[in-house]
Amino acid sequence: MPFGLKNAPMIYQRMIDNALWGFVQPKGGWANFSEKMRIAETADAEDRAGVTEASVSPNEAPRTKFEADRAVDHRKCSRNSREQSFGRHVLQRRAGRVLVDRLLSRFQECRISVSFSKSLFVQRKVGFLSHDVSAAGIAPDAKKAAAVTELSFPASKKGFQSFLGALNYYSRFIQDFAVYGAALYQLKDADFEPGGDLSAARQSFAMLQQRVRDAPILRHFDRGKDVHVTLFANE
């Protein structure tokens, strides 16, 4: 893709979404998708290795290296509770490696190159666009949020515009953001002159900083639950 295209980010994101469609939006649920992927990967592995039904005994199914290592780790780590705990940790990492192997195979099929120096694999939490993404959900970046909470009270309307612009990026974590920010959006240049009343602005400013400090973790969308849409409209 040539450099400098205005719509390049959207095109690249759509390409990645199409390549990883099965990982984020499987048809028929994860179980059905996993079974289809297992059959496809087994057939592909047999084609690459030249394995046929005649070359495999009836009682022995071909296993990948990850599956063989998982079985060995399970036998090694089944003596006591401490070893079993360690074994579960090893198995989780093995499962993560299997997922990474499937991911890289999908990239290879779609001819997508990956820079390993700029990539993170098998992580419990990763930073993405000033957000911390984990299995629990999405949270604002701790450093960016701390920078917002440590700002002093602006002395001009332009300073408040910068503050509100920074909050807009994390507005999803602030319930009733428009209500708390109404007093700040209504400020005028005359309010900062001597004798101006900024009591409501100071209260809203402190409340918004506290909301950012206590920002919750937004859970990932659960497709198995009912969806409820609530509309807010002004008269």
C-alpha atoms as a PDB file:
ATOM      1  CA  MET A   1       0.000   0.000   0.000  1.00  0.00           C
ATOM      2  CA  PRO A   2       1.504   3.387  -0.955  1.00  0.00           C
ATOM      3  CA  PHE A   3       2.370   5.843   1.796  1.00  0.00           C
ATOM      4  CA  GLY A   4       0.360   9.016   2.244  1.00  0.00           C
ATOM      5  CA  LEU A   5      -3.109   7.667   1.484  1.00  0.00           C
ATOM      6  CA  LYS A   6      -5.747   9.343   3.640  1.00  0.00           C
ATOM      7  CA  ASN A   7      -7.887   6.224   3.899  1.00  0.00           C
ATOM      8  CA  ALA A   8      -4.942   3.842   4.436  1.00  0.00           C
ATOM      9  CA  PRO A   9      -5.714   3.224   8.151  1.00  0.00           C
ATOM     10  CA  MET A  10      -9.313   2.235   7.367  1.00  0.00           C
ATOM     11  CA  ILE A  11      -8.222  -0.058   4.537  1.00  0.00           C
ATOM     12  CA  TYR A  12      -5.566  -1.708   6.704  1.00  0.00           C
ATOM     13  CA  GLN A  13      -8.000  -2.173   9.601  1.00  0.00           C
ATOM     14  CA  ARG A  14     -10.559  -3.765   7.281  1.00  0.00           C
ATOM     15  CA  MET A  15      -7.886  -6.100   5.925  1.00  0.00           C
ATOM     16  CA  ILE A  16      -6.935  -7.166   9.462  1.00  0.00           C
ATOM     17  CA  ASP A  17     -10.599  -7.636  10.405  1.00  0.00           C
ATOM     18  CA  ASN A  18     -11.156  -9.845   7.365  1.00  0.00           C
ATOM     19  CA  ALA A  19      -8.039 -11.890   8.132  1.00  0.00           C
ATOM     20  CA  LEU A  20      -9.005 -12.378  11.790  1.00  0.00           C
ATOM     21  CA  TRP A  21     -12.736 -12.671  11.237  1.00  0.00           C
ATOM     22  CA  GLY A  22     -12.909 -16.192  12.622  1.00  0.00           C
ATOM     23  CA  PHE A  23     -11.090 -15.172  15.803  1.00  0.00           C
ATOM     24  CA  VAL A  24     -13.503 -12.395  16.768  1.00  0.00           C
ATOM     25  CA  GLN A  25     -16.829 -13.256  15.108  1.00  0.00           C
ATOM     26  CA  PRO A  26     -17.160 -17.012  14.614  1.00  0.00           C
ATOM     27  CA  LYS A  27     -20.276 -18.372  12.985  1.00  0.00           C
ATOM     28  CA  GLY A  28     -22.165 -20.891  15.075  1.00  0.00           C
ATOM     29  CA  GLY A  29     -20.186 -20.179  18.244  1.00  0.00           C
ATOM     30  CA  TRP A  30     -16.662 -20.951  19.376  1.00  0.00           C
ATOM     31  CA  ALA A  31     -17.189 -24.710  19.624  1.00  0.00           C
ATOM     32  CA  ASN A  32     -18.321 -25.040  16.020  1.00  0.00           C
ATOM     33  CA  PHE A  33     -15.571 -22.731  14.828  1.00  0.00           C
ATOM     34  CA  SER A  34     -12.906 -24.597  16.813  1.00  0.00           C
ATOM     35  CA  GLU A  35     -13.996 -27.922  15.327  1.00  0.00           C
ATOM     36  CA  LYS A  36     -13.868 -26.531  11.791  1.00  0.00           C
ATOM     37  CA  MET A  37     -10.430 -25.038  12.399  1.00  0.00           C
ATOM     38  CA  ARG A  38      -9.176 -28.324  13.856  1.00  0.00           C
ATOM     39  CA  ILE A  39     -10.344 -30.265  10.804  1.00  0.00           C
ATOM     40  CA  ALA A  40      -8.898 -27.698   8.403  1.00  0.00           C
ATOM     41  CA  GLU A  41      -5.562 -27.484  10.223  1.00  0.00           C
ATOM     42  CA  THR A  42      -5.287 -31.277  10.437  1.00  0.00           C
ATOM     43  CA  ALA A  43      -5.945 -31.612   6.722  1.00  0.00           C
ATOM     44  CA  ASP A  44      -3.456 -28.856   5.940  1.00  0.00           C
ATOM     45  CA  ALA A  45      -0.795 -30.406   8.175  1.00  0.00           C
ATOM     46  CA  GLU A  46      -1.290 -33.795   6.550  1.00  0.00           C
ATOM     47  CA  ASP A  47      -1.003 -32.272   3.095  1.00  0.00           C
ATOM     48  CA  ARG A  48       2.247 -30.518   4.003  1.00  0.00           C
ATOM     49  CA  ALA A  49       3.754 -33.555   5.702  1.00  0.00           C
ATOM     50  CA  GLY A  50       2.454 -36.043   3.139  1.00  0.00           C
ATOM     51  CA  VAL A  51       0.547 -37.987   5.805  1.00  0.00           C
ATOM     52  CA  THR A  52      -2.252 -40.215   4.547  1.00  0.00           C
ATOM     53  CA  GLU A  53      -4.758 -42.445   6.282  1.00  0.00           C
ATOM     54  CA  ALA A  54      -2.719 -45.508   5.339  1.00  0.00           C
ATOM     55  CA  SER A  55       0.409 -44.154   7.043  1.00  0.00           C
ATOM     56  CA  VAL A  56      -1.366 -43.642  10.385  1.00  0.00           C
ATOM     57  CA  SER A  57      -2.366 -46.564  12.565  1.00  0.00           C
ATOM     58  CA  PRO A  58      -6.072 -46.845  13.447  1.00  0.00           C
ATOM     59  CA  ASN A  59      -5.427 -46.331  17.181  1.00  0.00           C
ATOM     60  CA  GLU A  60      -3.013 -43.430  16.845  1.00  0.00           C
ATOM     61  CA  ALA A  61      -3.964 -39.937  15.719  1.00  0.00           C
ATOM     62  CA  PRO A  62      -1.277 -37.512  14.522  1.00  0.00           C
ATOM     63  CA  ARG A  63      -0.430 -34.890  17.113  1.00  0.00           C
ATOM     64  CA  THR A  64       1.244 -31.532  16.782  1.00  0.00           C
ATOM     65  CA  LYS A  65       4.341 -30.646  18.776  1.00  0.00           C
ATOM     66  CA  PHE A  66       2.288 -28.424  21.060  1.00  0.00           C
ATOM     67  CA  GLU A  67      -0.110 -31.282  21.869  1.00  0.00           C
ATOM     68  CA  ALA A  68       2.786 -33.645  22.561  1.00  0.00           C
ATOM     69  CA  ASP A  69       4.467 -31.114  24.865  1.00  0.00           C
ATOM     70  CA  ARG A  70       1.156 -30.547  26.640  1.00  0.00           C
ATOM     71  CA  ALA A  71       0.825 -34.284  27.342  1.00  0.00           C
ATOM     72  CA  VAL A  72       4.395 -34.477  28.655  1.00  0.00           C
ATOM     73  CA  ASP A  73       3.879 -31.464  30.905  1.00  0.00           C
ATOM     74  CA  HIS A  74       0.672 -32.994  32.252  1.00  0.00           C
ATOM     75  CA  ARG A  75       2.454 -36.241  33.198  1.00  0.00           C
ATOM     76  CA  LYS A  76       5.309 -34.361  34.825  1.00  0.00           C
ATOM     77  CA  CYS A  77       3.105 -32.014  36.847  1.00  0.00           C
ATOM     78  CA  SER A  78       0.544 -34.367  38.399  1.00  0.00           C
ATOM     79  CA  ARG A  79       2.270 -35.483  41.606  1.00  0.00           C
ATOM     80  CA  ASN A  80       1.011 -32.969  44.169  1.00  0.00           C
ATOM     81  CA  SER A  81      -1.007 -29.788  44.390  1.00  0.00           C
ATOM     82  CA  ARG A  82       2.001 -27.508  43.967  1.00  0.00           C
ATOM     83  CA  GLU A  83       3.164 -29.343  40.896  1.00  0.00           C
ATOM     84  CA  GLN A  84      -0.401 -29.397  39.569  1.00  0.00           C
ATOM     85  CA  SER A  85      -0.632 -25.626  39.966  1.00  0.00           C
ATOM     86  CA  PHE A  86       2.607 -25.242  38.077  1.00  0.00           C
ATOM     87  CA  GLY A  87       1.317 -27.677  35.477  1.00  0.00           C
ATOM     88  CA  ARG A  88      -1.835 -25.629  34.931  1.00  0.00           C
ATOM     89  CA  HIS A  89       0.321 -22.563  34.396  1.00  0.00           C
ATOM     90  CA  VAL A  90       2.419 -24.438  31.855  1.00  0.00           C
ATOM     91  CA  LEU A  91      -0.682 -25.734  30.085  1.00  0.00           C
ATOM     92  CA  GLN A  92      -2.108 -22.232  29.868  1.00  0.00           C
ATOM     93  CA  ARG A  93       1.085 -21.002  28.281  1.00  0.00           C
ATOM     94  CA  ARG A  94       1.036 -23.953  25.894  1.00  0.00           C
ATOM     95  CA  ALA A  95      -2.542 -23.117  24.941  1.00  0.00           C
ATOM     96  CA  GLY A  96      -1.469 -19.526  24.348  1.00  0.00           C
ATOM     97  CA  ARG A  97       1.305 -20.711  22.072  1.00  0.00           C
ATOM     98  CA  VAL A  98      -1.157 -22.836  20.129  1.00  0.00           C
ATOM     99  CA  LEU A  99      -3.337 -19.763  19.632  1.00  0.00           C
ATOM    100  CA  VAL A 100      -0.319 -17.725  18.503  1.00  0.00           C
ATOM    101  CA  ASP A 101       0.611 -20.505  16.073  1.00  0.00           C
ATOM    102  CA  ARG A 102      -2.892 -20.411  14.595  1.00  0.00           C
ATOM    103  CA  LEU A 103      -2.742 -16.624  14.407  1.00  0.00           C
ATOM    104  CA  LEU A 104       0.570 -16.628  12.552  1.00  0.00           C
ATOM    105  CA  SER A 105      -0.721 -19.319  10.218  1.00  0.00           C
ATOM    106  CA  ARG A 106      -3.678 -17.115   9.371  1.00  0.00           C
ATOM    107  CA  PHE A 107      -1.346 -14.175   8.715  1.00  0.00           C
ATOM    108  CA  GLN A 108       0.768 -16.375   6.468  1.00  0.00           C
ATOM    109  CA  GLU A 109      -2.271 -17.473   4.474  1.00  0.00           C
ATOM    110  CA  CYS A 110      -3.372 -13.847   4.043  1.00  0.00           C
ATOM    111  CA  ARG A 111       0.182 -12.695   3.210  1.00  0.00           C
ATOM    112  CA  ILE A 112       0.374 -10.303   6.152  1.00  0.00           C
ATOM    113  CA  SER A 113       3.847  -9.630   7.536  1.00  0.00           C
ATOM    114  CA  VAL A 114       4.397  -9.150  11.282  1.00  0.00           C
ATOM    115  CA  SER A 115       7.236  -7.240  12.933  1.00  0.00           C
ATOM    116  CA  PHE A 116       8.221  -9.289  15.976  1.00  0.00           C
ATOM    117  CA  SER A 117      10.213  -6.388  17.432  1.00  0.00           C
ATOM    118  CA  LYS A 118       6.974  -4.379  17.591  1.00  0.00           C
ATOM    119  CA  SER A 119       4.670  -7.219  18.672  1.00  0.00           C
ATOM    120  CA  LEU A 120       3.698  -8.732  22.017  1.00  0.00           C
ATOM    121  CA  PHE A 121       2.461 -12.310  22.357  1.00  0.00           C
ATOM    122  CA  VAL A 122       1.045 -14.306  25.299  1.00  0.00           C
ATOM    123  CA  GLN A 123       0.497 -11.241  27.496  1.00  0.00           C
ATOM    124  CA  ARG A 124      -2.102 -10.859  30.225  1.00  0.00           C
ATOM    125  CA  LYS A 125      -2.497  -7.161  29.435  1.00  0.00           C
ATOM    126  CA  VAL A 126      -1.470  -5.008  26.473  1.00  0.00           C
ATOM    127  CA  GLY A 127      -1.602  -1.287  25.817  1.00  0.00           C
ATOM    128  CA  PHE A 128      -3.578  -0.204  22.763  1.00  0.00           C
ATOM    129  CA  LEU A 129      -4.306   3.413  21.798  1.00  0.00           C
ATOM    130  CA  SER A 130      -3.864   4.734  25.363  1.00  0.00           C
ATOM    131  CA  HIS A 131      -6.001   1.911  26.782  1.00  0.00           C
ATOM    132  CA  ASP A 132      -5.119  -1.216  28.763  1.00  0.00           C
ATOM    133  CA  VAL A 133      -6.807  -4.271  27.242  1.00  0.00           C
ATOM    134  CA  SER A 134      -7.015  -7.509  29.229  1.00  0.00           C
ATOM    135  CA  ALA A 135      -9.327 -10.466  29.656  1.00  0.00           C
ATOM    136  CA  ALA A 136     -11.254  -8.495  32.297  1.00  0.00           C
ATOM    137  CA  GLY A 137     -12.042  -5.649  29.904  1.00  0.00           C
ATOM    138  CA  ILE A 138     -10.771  -2.240  28.789  1.00  0.00           C
ATOM    139  CA  ALA A 139      -9.342   0.381  31.148  1.00  0.00           C
ATOM    140  CA  PRO A 140      -7.748   3.791  30.545  1.00  0.00           C
ATOM    141  CA  ASP A 141      -3.984   3.961  30.475  1.00  0.00           C
ATOM    142  CA  ALA A 142      -2.807   4.584  34.034  1.00  0.00           C
ATOM    143  CA  LYS A 143      -0.142   7.139  33.082  1.00  0.00           C
ATOM    144  CA  LYS A 144      -2.441   9.105  30.786  1.00  0.00           C
ATOM    145  CA  ALA A 145      -5.218   9.109  33.372  1.00  0.00           C
ATOM    146  CA  ALA A 146      -2.811  10.259  36.093  1.00  0.00           C
ATOM    147  CA  ALA A 147      -1.682  13.144  33.887  1.00  0.00           C
ATOM    148  CA  VAL A 148      -5.300  14.313  33.592  1.00  0.00           C
ATOM    149  CA  THR A 149      -5.971  14.060  37.325  1.00  0.00           C
ATOM    150  CA  GLU A 150      -2.826  16.041  38.180  1.00  0.00           C
ATOM    151  CA  LEU A 151      -3.737  19.052  36.022  1.00  0.00           C
ATOM    152  CA  SER A 152      -4.214  22.325  37.858  1.00  0.00           C
ATOM    153  CA  PHE A 153      -7.336  24.449  37.480  1.00  0.00           C
ATOM    154  CA  PRO A 154      -7.060  26.238  34.097  1.00  0.00           C
ATOM    155  CA  ALA A 155      -6.893  30.018  34.109  1.00  0.00           C
ATOM    156  CA  SER A 156      -8.480  30.584  30.694  1.00  0.00           C
ATOM    157  CA  LYS A 157     -11.228  29.295  28.458  1.00  0.00           C
ATOM    158  CA  LYS A 158      -8.645  27.831  26.097  1.00  0.00           C
ATOM    159  CA  GLY A 159      -7.182  25.833  28.971  1.00  0.00           C
ATOM    160  CA  PHE A 160     -10.590  24.344  29.704  1.00  0.00           C
ATOM    161  CA  GLN A 161     -11.036  23.455  26.057  1.00  0.00           C
ATOM    162  CA  SER A 162      -7.771  21.501  26.208  1.00  0.00           C
ATOM    163  CA  PHE A 163      -8.903  19.781  29.413  1.00  0.00           C
ATOM    164  CA  LEU A 164     -12.258  18.807  27.909  1.00  0.00           C
ATOM    165  CA  GLY A 165     -10.531  17.594  24.761  1.00  0.00           C
ATOM    166  CA  ALA A 166      -8.373  15.259  26.850  1.00  0.00           C
ATOM    167  CA  LEU A 167     -11.442  14.004  28.720  1.00  0.00           C
ATOM    168  CA  ASN A 168     -13.382  13.299  25.536  1.00  0.00           C
ATOM    169  CA  TYR A 169     -11.001  10.415  24.807  1.00  0.00           C
ATOM    170  CA  TYR A 170     -11.961   8.773  28.116  1.00  0.00           C
ATOM    171  CA  SER A 171     -15.575   9.965  28.245  1.00  0.00           C
ATOM    172  CA  ARG A 172     -16.868   6.396  27.941  1.00  0.00           C
ATOM    173  CA  PHE A 173     -15.448   5.683  31.403  1.00  0.00           C
ATOM    174  CA  ILE A 174     -17.250   8.678  32.969  1.00  0.00           C
ATOM    175  CA  GLN A 175     -20.932   8.132  33.581  1.00  0.00           C
ATOM    176  CA  ASP A 176     -23.022  11.288  32.978  1.00  0.00           C
ATOM    177  CA  PHE A 177     -20.025  13.019  31.423  1.00  0.00           C
ATOM    178  CA  ALA A 178     -22.210  15.624  29.704  1.00  0.00           C
ATOM    179  CA  VAL A 179     -23.897  16.507  33.010  1.00  0.00           C
ATOM    180  CA  TYR A 180     -20.631  17.120  34.851  1.00  0.00           C
ATOM    181  CA  GLY A 181     -19.069  18.942  31.918  1.00  0.00           C
ATOM    182  CA  ALA A 182     -22.028  21.249  31.245  1.00  0.00           C
ATOM    183  CA  ALA A 183     -20.684  23.966  33.551  1.00  0.00           C
ATOM    184  CA  LEU A 184     -17.313  23.861  31.787  1.00  0.00           C
ATOM    185  CA  TYR A 185     -18.752  23.992  28.283  1.00  0.00           C
ATOM    186  CA  GLN A 186     -20.773  27.105  29.189  1.00  0.00           C
ATOM    187  CA  LEU A 187     -17.760  29.124  30.362  1.00  0.00           C
ATOM    188  CA  LYS A 188     -17.035  32.453  28.680  1.00  0.00           C
ATOM    189  CA  ASP A 189     -13.942  34.625  28.566  1.00  0.00           C
ATOM    190  CA  ALA A 190     -15.660  37.131  30.864  1.00  0.00           C
ATOM    191  CA  ASP A 191     -15.911  34.484  33.602  1.00  0.00           C
ATOM    192  CA  PHE A 192     -12.117  34.522  34.009  1.00  0.00           C
ATOM    193  CA  GLU A 193     -11.941  38.255  34.573  1.00  0.00           C
ATOM    194  CA  PRO A 194     -11.759  39.677  38.119  1.00  0.00           C
ATOM    195  CA  GLY A 195     -15.116  39.236  39.816  1.00  0.00           C
ATOM    196  CA  GLY A 196     -16.159  36.250  37.693  1.00  0.00           C
ATOM    197  CA  ASP A 197     -17.910  33.327  39.376  1.00  0.00           C
ATOM    198  CA  LEU A 198     -16.036  30.061  38.824  1.00  0.00           C
ATOM    199  CA  SER A 199     -17.430  28.106  41.769  1.00  0.00           C
ATOM    200  CA  ALA A 200     -19.531  25.776  39.595  1.00  0.00           C
ATOM    201  CA  ALA A 201     -16.607  25.291  37.211  1.00  0.00           C
ATOM    202  CA  ARG A 202     -14.266  24.375  40.067  1.00  0.00           C
ATOM    203  CA  GLN A 203     -16.758  21.869  41.413  1.00  0.00           C
ATOM    204  CA  SER A 204     -17.253  20.252  37.995  1.00  0.00           C
ATOM    205  CA  PHE A 205     -13.494  20.239  37.373  1.00  0.00           C
ATOM    206  CA  ALA A 206     -12.801  18.443  40.661  1.00  0.00           C
ATOM    207  CA  MET A 207     -15.648  15.990  40.081  1.00  0.00           C
ATOM    208  CA  LEU A 208     -14.427  15.081  36.579  1.00  0.00           C
ATOM    209  CA  GLN A 209     -10.894  14.522  37.842  1.00  0.00           C
ATOM    210  CA  GLN A 210     -12.273  12.249  40.558  1.00  0.00           C
ATOM    211  CA  ARG A 211     -14.289  10.330  37.967  1.00  0.00           C
ATOM    212  CA  VAL A 212     -11.160   9.789  35.887  1.00  0.00           C
ATOM    213  CA  ARG A 213      -9.277   8.664  38.983  1.00  0.00           C
ATOM    214  CA  ASP A 214     -12.018   6.133  39.780  1.00  0.00           C
ATOM    215  CA  ALA A 215     -12.538   5.028  36.176  1.00  0.00           C
ATOM    216  CA  PRO A 216     -14.040   1.511  36.016  1.00  0.00           C
ATOM    217  CA  ILE A 217     -13.054  -1.378  33.770  1.00  0.00           C
ATOM    218  CA  LEU A 218     -15.408  -1.761  30.830  1.00  0.00           C
ATOM    219  CA  ARG A 219     -16.181  -5.405  30.189  1.00  0.00           C
ATOM    220  CA  HIS A 220     -15.993  -6.897  26.733  1.00  0.00           C
ATOM    221  CA  PHE A 221     -19.220  -7.300  24.820  1.00  0.00           C
ATOM    222  CA  ASP A 222     -20.905 -10.609  25.639  1.00  0.00           C
ATOM    223  CA  ARG A 223     -22.751 -11.928  22.595  1.00  0.00           C
ATOM    224  CA  GLY A 224     -24.515 -14.534  24.671  1.00  0.00           C
ATOM    225  CA  LYS A 225     -26.545 -11.965  26.630  1.00  0.00           C
ATOM    226  CA  ASP A 226     -29.499  -9.818  25.625  1.00  0.00           C
ATOM    227  CA  VAL A 227     -28.785  -6.340  24.258  1.00  0.00           C
ATOM    228  CA  HIS A 228     -30.655  -3.347  25.689  1.00  0.00           C
ATOM    229  CA  VAL A 229     -30.475   0.075  24.033  1.00  0.00           C
ATOM    230  CA  THR A 230     -31.331   3.183  26.077  1.00  0.00           C
ATOM    231  CA  LEU A 231     -31.926   6.447  24.236  1.00  0.00           C
ATOM    232  CA  PHE A 232     -31.426   9.900  25.751  1.00  0.00           C
ATOM    233  CA  ALA A 233     -33.066  12.841  23.982  1.00  0.00           C
ATOM    234  CA  ASN A 234     -33.642  16.471  24.903  1.00  0.00           C
ATOM    235  CA  GLU A 235     -37.046  18.021  24.528  1.00  0.00           C
END
